[in-house]
Amino acid sequence: MPGEAFLFLFATVWAAVLLFVMVFFTIMFSDLECDYINPIDLCNKLNQFVLPEMLAHAFLFVLFLINGSWIAALINLPLMIFNVQKVTNNRHMFDATEIFRTLGQHKKECFIKLGFYLITFFYYLYRMIVALINEA
């Protein structure tokens, strides 16, 4: 399998994993709203996925830069900047004492990331198919 096709196959699988993580976040926020889970348990469950989600996205971004896939890197740049800004400002972890006050913001961010990963999933799938066709 050629390098570009393999890169976008990997990116497609990775985007699907990140998509499922965002679905999990959405379900957990919904459970908090309906009082099925308490804030401490929610934060404990979600905080273990926050940094791995950001690192996975950063890894994809670096792979696109190394491979020279400038359009894919440019598409991922805004979310990369957002994630770096959250980590540098120390706002990336969920706080059980403030979760109800900031729930609307977290849900909005989660839905935006969900949409972003959905769009990029299909873009990576398209680019993988194009790379395979060009090699054949």
C-alpha atoms as a PDB file:
ATOM      1  CA  MET A   1       0.000   0.000   0.000  1.00  0.00           C
ATOM      2  CA  PRO A   2       1.427   3.405  -0.924  1.00  0.00           C
ATOM      3  CA  GLY A   3       2.431   5.931   1.731  1.00  0.00           C
ATOM      4  CA  GLU A   4      -0.305   8.506   1.162  1.00  0.00           C
ATOM      5  CA  ALA A   5      -3.051   5.885   1.059  1.00  0.00           C
ATOM      6  CA  PHE A   6      -1.733   4.309   4.251  1.00  0.00           C
ATOM      7  CA  LEU A   7      -1.573   7.730   5.939  1.00  0.00           C
ATOM      8  CA  PHE A   8      -5.189   8.493   5.104  1.00  0.00           C
ATOM      9  CA  LEU A   9      -6.300   4.969   6.046  1.00  0.00           C
ATOM     10  CA  PHE A  10      -4.681   5.521   9.446  1.00  0.00           C
ATOM     11  CA  ALA A  11      -6.266   8.997   9.665  1.00  0.00           C
ATOM     12  CA  THR A  12      -9.697   7.582   8.808  1.00  0.00           C
ATOM     13  CA  VAL A  13      -9.471   4.970  11.553  1.00  0.00           C
ATOM     14  CA  TRP A  14      -8.118   7.555  13.997  1.00  0.00           C
ATOM     15  CA  ALA A  15     -10.904  10.014  13.129  1.00  0.00           C
ATOM     16  CA  ALA A  16     -13.468   7.255  13.734  1.00  0.00           C
ATOM     17  CA  VAL A  17     -11.973   6.604  17.177  1.00  0.00           C
ATOM     18  CA  LEU A  18     -12.031  10.320  18.000  1.00  0.00           C
ATOM     19  CA  LEU A  19     -15.604  10.492  16.726  1.00  0.00           C
ATOM     20  CA  PHE A  20     -16.638   7.741  19.133  1.00  0.00           C
ATOM     21  CA  VAL A  21     -14.864   9.522  21.986  1.00  0.00           C
ATOM     22  CA  MET A  22     -16.913  12.659  21.282  1.00  0.00           C
ATOM     23  CA  VAL A  23     -20.109  10.579  21.181  1.00  0.00           C
ATOM     24  CA  PHE A  24     -19.134   9.163  24.575  1.00  0.00           C
ATOM     25  CA  PHE A  25     -18.598  12.706  25.908  1.00  0.00           C
ATOM     26  CA  THR A  26     -22.018  13.743  24.574  1.00  0.00           C
ATOM     27  CA  ILE A  27     -23.712  10.774  26.232  1.00  0.00           C
ATOM     28  CA  MET A  28     -21.970  11.479  29.524  1.00  0.00           C
ATOM     29  CA  PHE A  29     -23.020  15.153  29.467  1.00  0.00           C
ATOM     30  CA  SER A  30     -26.584  14.053  28.756  1.00  0.00           C
ATOM     31  CA  ASP A  31     -26.430  11.643  31.688  1.00  0.00           C
ATOM     32  CA  LEU A  32     -25.298  14.492  33.933  1.00  0.00           C
ATOM     33  CA  GLU A  33     -28.213  16.647  32.808  1.00  0.00           C
ATOM     34  CA  CYS A  34     -30.663  13.854  33.537  1.00  0.00           C
ATOM     35  CA  ASP A  35     -29.037  13.163  36.920  1.00  0.00           C
ATOM     36  CA  TYR A  36     -27.981   9.613  36.025  1.00  0.00           C
ATOM     37  CA  ILE A  37     -24.392  10.378  37.052  1.00  0.00           C
ATOM     38  CA  ASN A  38     -22.952  12.720  39.639  1.00  0.00           C
ATOM     39  CA  PRO A  39     -20.429  15.444  38.716  1.00  0.00           C
ATOM     40  CA  ILE A  40     -17.472  13.784  40.429  1.00  0.00           C
ATOM     41  CA  ASP A  41     -17.937  10.504  38.568  1.00  0.00           C
ATOM     42  CA  LEU A  42     -18.447  12.372  35.291  1.00  0.00           C
ATOM     43  CA  CYS A  43     -15.235  14.365  35.688  1.00  0.00           C
ATOM     44  CA  ASN A  44     -13.279  11.268  36.730  1.00  0.00           C
ATOM     45  CA  LYS A  45     -14.500   9.372  33.660  1.00  0.00           C
ATOM     46  CA  LEU A  46     -14.044  12.184  31.138  1.00  0.00           C
ATOM     47  CA  ASN A  47     -10.729  13.560  32.405  1.00  0.00           C
ATOM     48  CA  GLN A  48      -8.981  10.292  31.578  1.00  0.00           C
ATOM     49  CA  PHE A  49      -9.886  10.826  27.893  1.00  0.00           C
ATOM     50  CA  VAL A  50      -9.171  14.565  27.536  1.00  0.00           C
ATOM     51  CA  LEU A  51      -5.403  14.501  27.061  1.00  0.00           C
ATOM     52  CA  PRO A  52      -5.350  11.296  24.955  1.00  0.00           C
ATOM     53  CA  GLU A  53      -7.936  12.868  22.623  1.00  0.00           C
ATOM     54  CA  MET A  54      -5.819  15.994  22.255  1.00  0.00           C
ATOM     55  CA  LEU A  55      -2.608  14.005  21.801  1.00  0.00           C
ATOM     56  CA  ALA A  56      -4.224  11.780  19.170  1.00  0.00           C
ATOM     57  CA  HIS A  57      -5.301  14.838  17.214  1.00  0.00           C
ATOM     58  CA  ALA A  58      -1.839  16.391  17.590  1.00  0.00           C
ATOM     59  CA  PHE A  59      -0.258  13.150  16.354  1.00  0.00           C
ATOM     60  CA  LEU A  60      -2.438  13.205  13.234  1.00  0.00           C
ATOM     61  CA  PHE A  61      -1.537  16.855  12.660  1.00  0.00           C
ATOM     62  CA  VAL A  62       2.189  16.083  12.896  1.00  0.00           C
ATOM     63  CA  LEU A  63       1.807  13.122  10.518  1.00  0.00           C
ATOM     64  CA  PHE A  64       0.155  15.385   7.956  1.00  0.00           C
ATOM     65  CA  LEU A  65       2.978  17.926   8.300  1.00  0.00           C
ATOM     66  CA  ILE A  66       5.666  15.262   7.919  1.00  0.00           C
ATOM     67  CA  ASN A  67       3.949  13.734   4.894  1.00  0.00           C
ATOM     68  CA  GLY A  68       3.398  17.128   3.263  1.00  0.00           C
ATOM     69  CA  SER A  69      -0.396  16.853   3.196  1.00  0.00           C
ATOM     70  CA  TRP A  70      -0.808  20.594   3.555  1.00  0.00           C
ATOM     71  CA  ILE A  71      -4.565  20.754   3.012  1.00  0.00           C
ATOM     72  CA  ALA A  72      -5.225  18.120   5.680  1.00  0.00           C
ATOM     73  CA  ALA A  73      -2.837  19.910   8.051  1.00  0.00           C
ATOM     74  CA  LEU A  74      -4.539  23.230   7.327  1.00  0.00           C
ATOM     75  CA  ILE A  75      -7.961  21.704   8.039  1.00  0.00           C
ATOM     76  CA  ASN A  76      -6.686  20.430  11.401  1.00  0.00           C
ATOM     77  CA  LEU A  77      -4.836  23.619  12.349  1.00  0.00           C
ATOM     78  CA  PRO A  78      -7.749  25.507  14.020  1.00  0.00           C
ATOM     79  CA  LEU A  79      -8.583  22.614  16.360  1.00  0.00           C
ATOM     80  CA  MET A  80      -4.896  22.122  17.053  1.00  0.00           C
ATOM     81  CA  ILE A  81      -4.520  25.785  18.044  1.00  0.00           C
ATOM     82  CA  PHE A  82      -7.655  25.543  20.199  1.00  0.00           C
ATOM     83  CA  ASN A  83      -6.337  22.452  22.000  1.00  0.00           C
ATOM     84  CA  VAL A  84      -2.909  23.982  22.598  1.00  0.00           C
ATOM     85  CA  GLN A  85      -4.534  27.143  23.924  1.00  0.00           C
ATOM     86  CA  LYS A  86      -6.699  25.123  26.329  1.00  0.00           C
ATOM     87  CA  VAL A  87      -3.711  23.192  27.657  1.00  0.00           C
ATOM     88  CA  THR A  88      -1.489  26.252  28.052  1.00  0.00           C
ATOM     89  CA  ASN A  89      -4.261  28.118  29.898  1.00  0.00           C
ATOM     90  CA  ASN A  90      -4.864  25.018  32.059  1.00  0.00           C
ATOM     91  CA  ARG A  91      -8.549  24.805  31.087  1.00  0.00           C
ATOM     92  CA  HIS A  92      -8.458  21.350  29.526  1.00  0.00           C
ATOM     93  CA  MET A  93      -9.641  19.256  32.498  1.00  0.00           C
ATOM     94  CA  PHE A  94     -13.198  19.093  33.800  1.00  0.00           C
ATOM     95  CA  ASP A  95     -13.798  20.432  37.305  1.00  0.00           C
ATOM     96  CA  ALA A  96     -16.572  18.793  39.323  1.00  0.00           C
ATOM     97  CA  THR A  97     -17.259  21.993  41.280  1.00  0.00           C
ATOM     98  CA  GLU A  98     -17.891  24.048  38.146  1.00  0.00           C
ATOM     99  CA  ILE A  99     -19.312  21.479  35.731  1.00  0.00           C
ATOM    100  CA  PHE A 100     -22.942  22.592  36.060  1.00  0.00           C
ATOM    101  CA  ARG A 101     -22.005  26.226  35.471  1.00  0.00           C
ATOM    102  CA  THR A 102     -19.933  25.408  32.383  1.00  0.00           C
ATOM    103  CA  LEU A 103     -21.999  22.514  31.030  1.00  0.00           C
ATOM    104  CA  GLY A 104     -23.367  24.553  28.133  1.00  0.00           C
ATOM    105  CA  GLN A 105     -19.855  25.490  26.994  1.00  0.00           C
ATOM    106  CA  HIS A 106     -18.632  21.912  27.273  1.00  0.00           C
ATOM    107  CA  LYS A 107     -21.591  20.566  25.312  1.00  0.00           C
ATOM    108  CA  LYS A 108     -21.114  23.178  22.594  1.00  0.00           C
ATOM    109  CA  GLU A 109     -17.412  22.337  22.327  1.00  0.00           C
ATOM    110  CA  CYS A 110     -18.240  18.643  22.232  1.00  0.00           C
ATOM    111  CA  PHE A 111     -20.787  19.060  19.420  1.00  0.00           C
ATOM    112  CA  ILE A 112     -18.373  21.205  17.402  1.00  0.00           C
ATOM    113  CA  LYS A 113     -15.632  18.586  17.783  1.00  0.00           C
ATOM    114  CA  LEU A 114     -18.135  15.870  16.901  1.00  0.00           C
ATOM    115  CA  GLY A 115     -18.998  17.679  13.681  1.00  0.00           C
ATOM    116  CA  PHE A 116     -15.335  18.364  12.945  1.00  0.00           C
ATOM    117  CA  TYR A 117     -14.335  14.722  13.360  1.00  0.00           C
ATOM    118  CA  LEU A 118     -17.303  13.605  11.254  1.00  0.00           C
ATOM    119  CA  ILE A 119     -16.339  15.927   8.403  1.00  0.00           C
ATOM    120  CA  THR A 120     -12.670  14.997   8.602  1.00  0.00           C
ATOM    121  CA  PHE A 121     -13.564  11.294   8.685  1.00  0.00           C
ATOM    122  CA  PHE A 122     -15.220  11.568   5.283  1.00  0.00           C
ATOM    123  CA  TYR A 123     -12.455  13.821   3.951  1.00  0.00           C
ATOM    124  CA  TYR A 124      -9.785  11.316   4.980  1.00  0.00           C
ATOM    125  CA  LEU A 125     -11.836   8.488   3.471  1.00  0.00           C
ATOM    126  CA  TYR A 126     -12.113  10.411   0.202  1.00  0.00           C
ATOM    127  CA  ARG A 127      -8.379  11.174   0.147  1.00  0.00           C
ATOM    128  CA  MET A 128      -7.568   7.522   0.856  1.00  0.00           C
ATOM    129  CA  ILE A 129      -9.726   6.386  -2.064  1.00  0.00           C
ATOM    130  CA  VAL A 130      -8.174   8.986  -4.378  1.00  0.00           C
ATOM    131  CA  ALA A 131      -4.667   7.914  -3.343  1.00  0.00           C
ATOM    132  CA  LEU A 132      -5.500   4.258  -4.006  1.00  0.00           C
ATOM    133  CA  ILE A 133      -6.979   5.057  -7.409  1.00  0.00           C
ATOM    134  CA  ASN A 134      -3.948   7.162  -8.387  1.00  0.00           C
ATOM    135  CA  GLU A 135      -1.583   4.321  -7.491  1.00  0.00           C
ATOM    136  CA  ALA A 136      -3.528   1.720  -9.475  1.00  0.00           C
END
